[in-house]
């Protein structure tokens, strides 16, 4: 369930901090999946992405966290504001005007 306007206004600092945590979780999870998947080994063999993520997340301190950029929308609906909608798919905008047709000259 999204964060309501009333709840956000009443608990602004709390929700801003929760969204900061969620942003850093998303960034770490993405980095683990893209850059480290299948490349880290422990005592018992290859570490899964989830166990690597859990290990790395446990080492992150509050001072190490980045602020979410302006316009960031969380993937988890529970951390979205009342006026945010997560884009379902990225598509190019429809072109405006007539289509351009190129014709070659006969020489």
Protein backbone atom coordinates (compact mmCIF):
# COMPACT_ATOMS: atom_id res chain seq x y z
CA UNK A 1 0.00 0.00 0.00
CA UNK A 2 1.34 3.42 -0.93
CA UNK A 3 2.31 6.10 1.55
CA UNK A 4 -0.62 8.46 1.91
CA UNK A 5 -0.23 12.21 1.83
CA UNK A 6 -1.48 12.48 5.43
CA UNK A 7 0.99 9.86 6.69
CA UNK A 8 3.89 11.42 4.77
CA UNK A 9 3.16 14.90 6.13
CA UNK A 10 2.86 13.58 9.69
CA UNK A 11 6.00 11.39 9.55
CA UNK A 12 8.12 13.04 6.85
CA UNK A 13 11.54 12.27 8.38
CA UNK A 14 10.60 8.64 9.01
CA UNK A 15 9.34 8.06 5.45
CA UNK A 16 12.30 9.88 3.90
CA UNK A 17 14.68 7.63 5.82
CA UNK A 18 12.74 4.47 4.89
CA UNK A 19 12.85 5.50 1.23
CA UNK A 20 16.60 6.16 1.53
CA UNK A 21 17.10 2.64 2.84
CA UNK A 22 14.94 1.18 0.07
CA UNK A 23 16.89 3.10 -2.59
CA UNK A 24 20.20 1.75 -1.31
CA UNK A 25 18.79 -1.79 -1.16
CA UNK A 26 17.66 -1.56 -4.78
CA UNK A 27 21.04 -0.22 -5.89
CA UNK A 28 22.95 -2.95 -4.04
CA UNK A 29 20.67 -5.71 -5.35
CA UNK A 30 21.10 -4.44 -8.91
CA UNK A 31 24.88 -4.26 -8.55
CA UNK A 32 25.08 -7.78 -7.13
CA UNK A 33 22.97 -9.18 -9.97
CA UNK A 34 24.78 -7.29 -12.75
CA UNK A 35 28.40 -7.30 -11.63
CA UNK A 36 28.98 -10.10 -9.14
CA UNK A 37 26.55 -12.86 -10.06
CA UNK A 38 28.36 -16.21 -10.06
CA UNK A 39 31.76 -14.67 -9.36
CA UNK A 40 32.04 -14.89 -5.56
CA UNK A 41 33.00 -18.07 -3.75
CA UNK A 42 32.99 -18.86 -0.06
CA UNK A 43 34.16 -21.79 2.03
CA UNK A 44 31.35 -24.00 0.76
CA UNK A 45 31.48 -22.95 -2.89
CA UNK A 46 29.78 -20.37 -5.03
CA UNK A 47 27.61 -17.84 -3.17
CA UNK A 48 24.10 -17.21 -4.42
CA UNK A 49 23.12 -13.67 -5.33
CA UNK A 50 20.77 -13.53 -2.35
CA UNK A 51 23.33 -14.65 0.22
CA UNK A 52 25.92 -12.26 -1.23
CA UNK A 53 23.38 -9.43 -1.09
CA UNK A 54 22.49 -10.28 2.55
CA UNK A 55 26.16 -10.37 3.52
CA UNK A 56 26.97 -7.05 1.85
CA UNK A 57 23.82 -5.34 3.19
CA UNK A 58 24.77 -6.32 6.73
CA UNK A 59 28.09 -4.47 6.30
CA UNK A 60 26.60 -1.16 5.08
CA UNK A 61 26.43 1.64 7.63
CA UNK A 62 24.02 4.56 7.60
CA UNK A 63 26.86 6.98 6.80
CA UNK A 64 27.66 4.96 3.65
CA UNK A 65 24.16 5.28 2.20
CA UNK A 66 23.38 7.58 -0.71
CA UNK A 67 20.37 9.87 -0.91
CA UNK A 68 17.85 8.85 -3.57
CA UNK A 69 17.96 11.08 -6.64
CA UNK A 70 15.09 13.41 -7.42
CA UNK A 71 12.43 11.57 -9.38
CA UNK A 72 13.38 8.11 -8.11
CA UNK A 73 10.36 5.81 -7.71
CA UNK A 74 10.73 2.68 -5.56
CA UNK A 75 9.98 -0.71 -7.06
CA UNK A 76 8.28 -1.75 -3.81
CA UNK A 77 4.81 -0.23 -3.72
CA UNK A 78 4.94 0.12 0.09
CA UNK A 79 7.52 2.91 -0.22
CA UNK A 80 5.88 4.86 -3.05
CA UNK A 81 4.23 8.17 -2.35
CA UNK A 82 0.57 8.74 -3.11
CA UNK A 83 1.46 10.65 -6.28
CA UNK A 84 4.05 8.25 -7.74
CA UNK A 85 3.43 5.57 -10.32
CA UNK A 86 6.13 3.09 -11.29
CA UNK A 87 6.66 2.95 -15.04
CA UNK A 88 5.63 -0.46 -16.33
CA UNK A 89 7.71 -0.39 -19.49
CA UNK A 90 9.89 2.11 -21.19
CA UNK A 91 8.83 3.00 -24.69
CA UNK A 92 9.68 5.78 -27.03
CA UNK A 93 7.10 8.51 -27.39
CA UNK A 94 4.99 8.39 -30.53
CA UNK A 95 6.42 10.62 -33.24
CA UNK A 96 4.63 13.87 -33.96
CA UNK A 97 3.93 14.97 -37.51
CA UNK A 98 4.15 13.11 -40.78
CA UNK A 99 6.58 10.28 -41.45
CA UNK A 100 9.70 11.20 -43.41
CA UNK A 101 10.16 9.36 -46.72
CA UNK A 102 13.55 9.51 -48.45
CA UNK A 103 13.72 9.01 -52.19
CA UNK A 104 16.87 8.53 -54.20
CA UNK A 105 17.44 10.54 -57.36
CA UNK A 106 17.96 8.72 -60.62
CA UNK A 107 21.33 9.67 -62.07
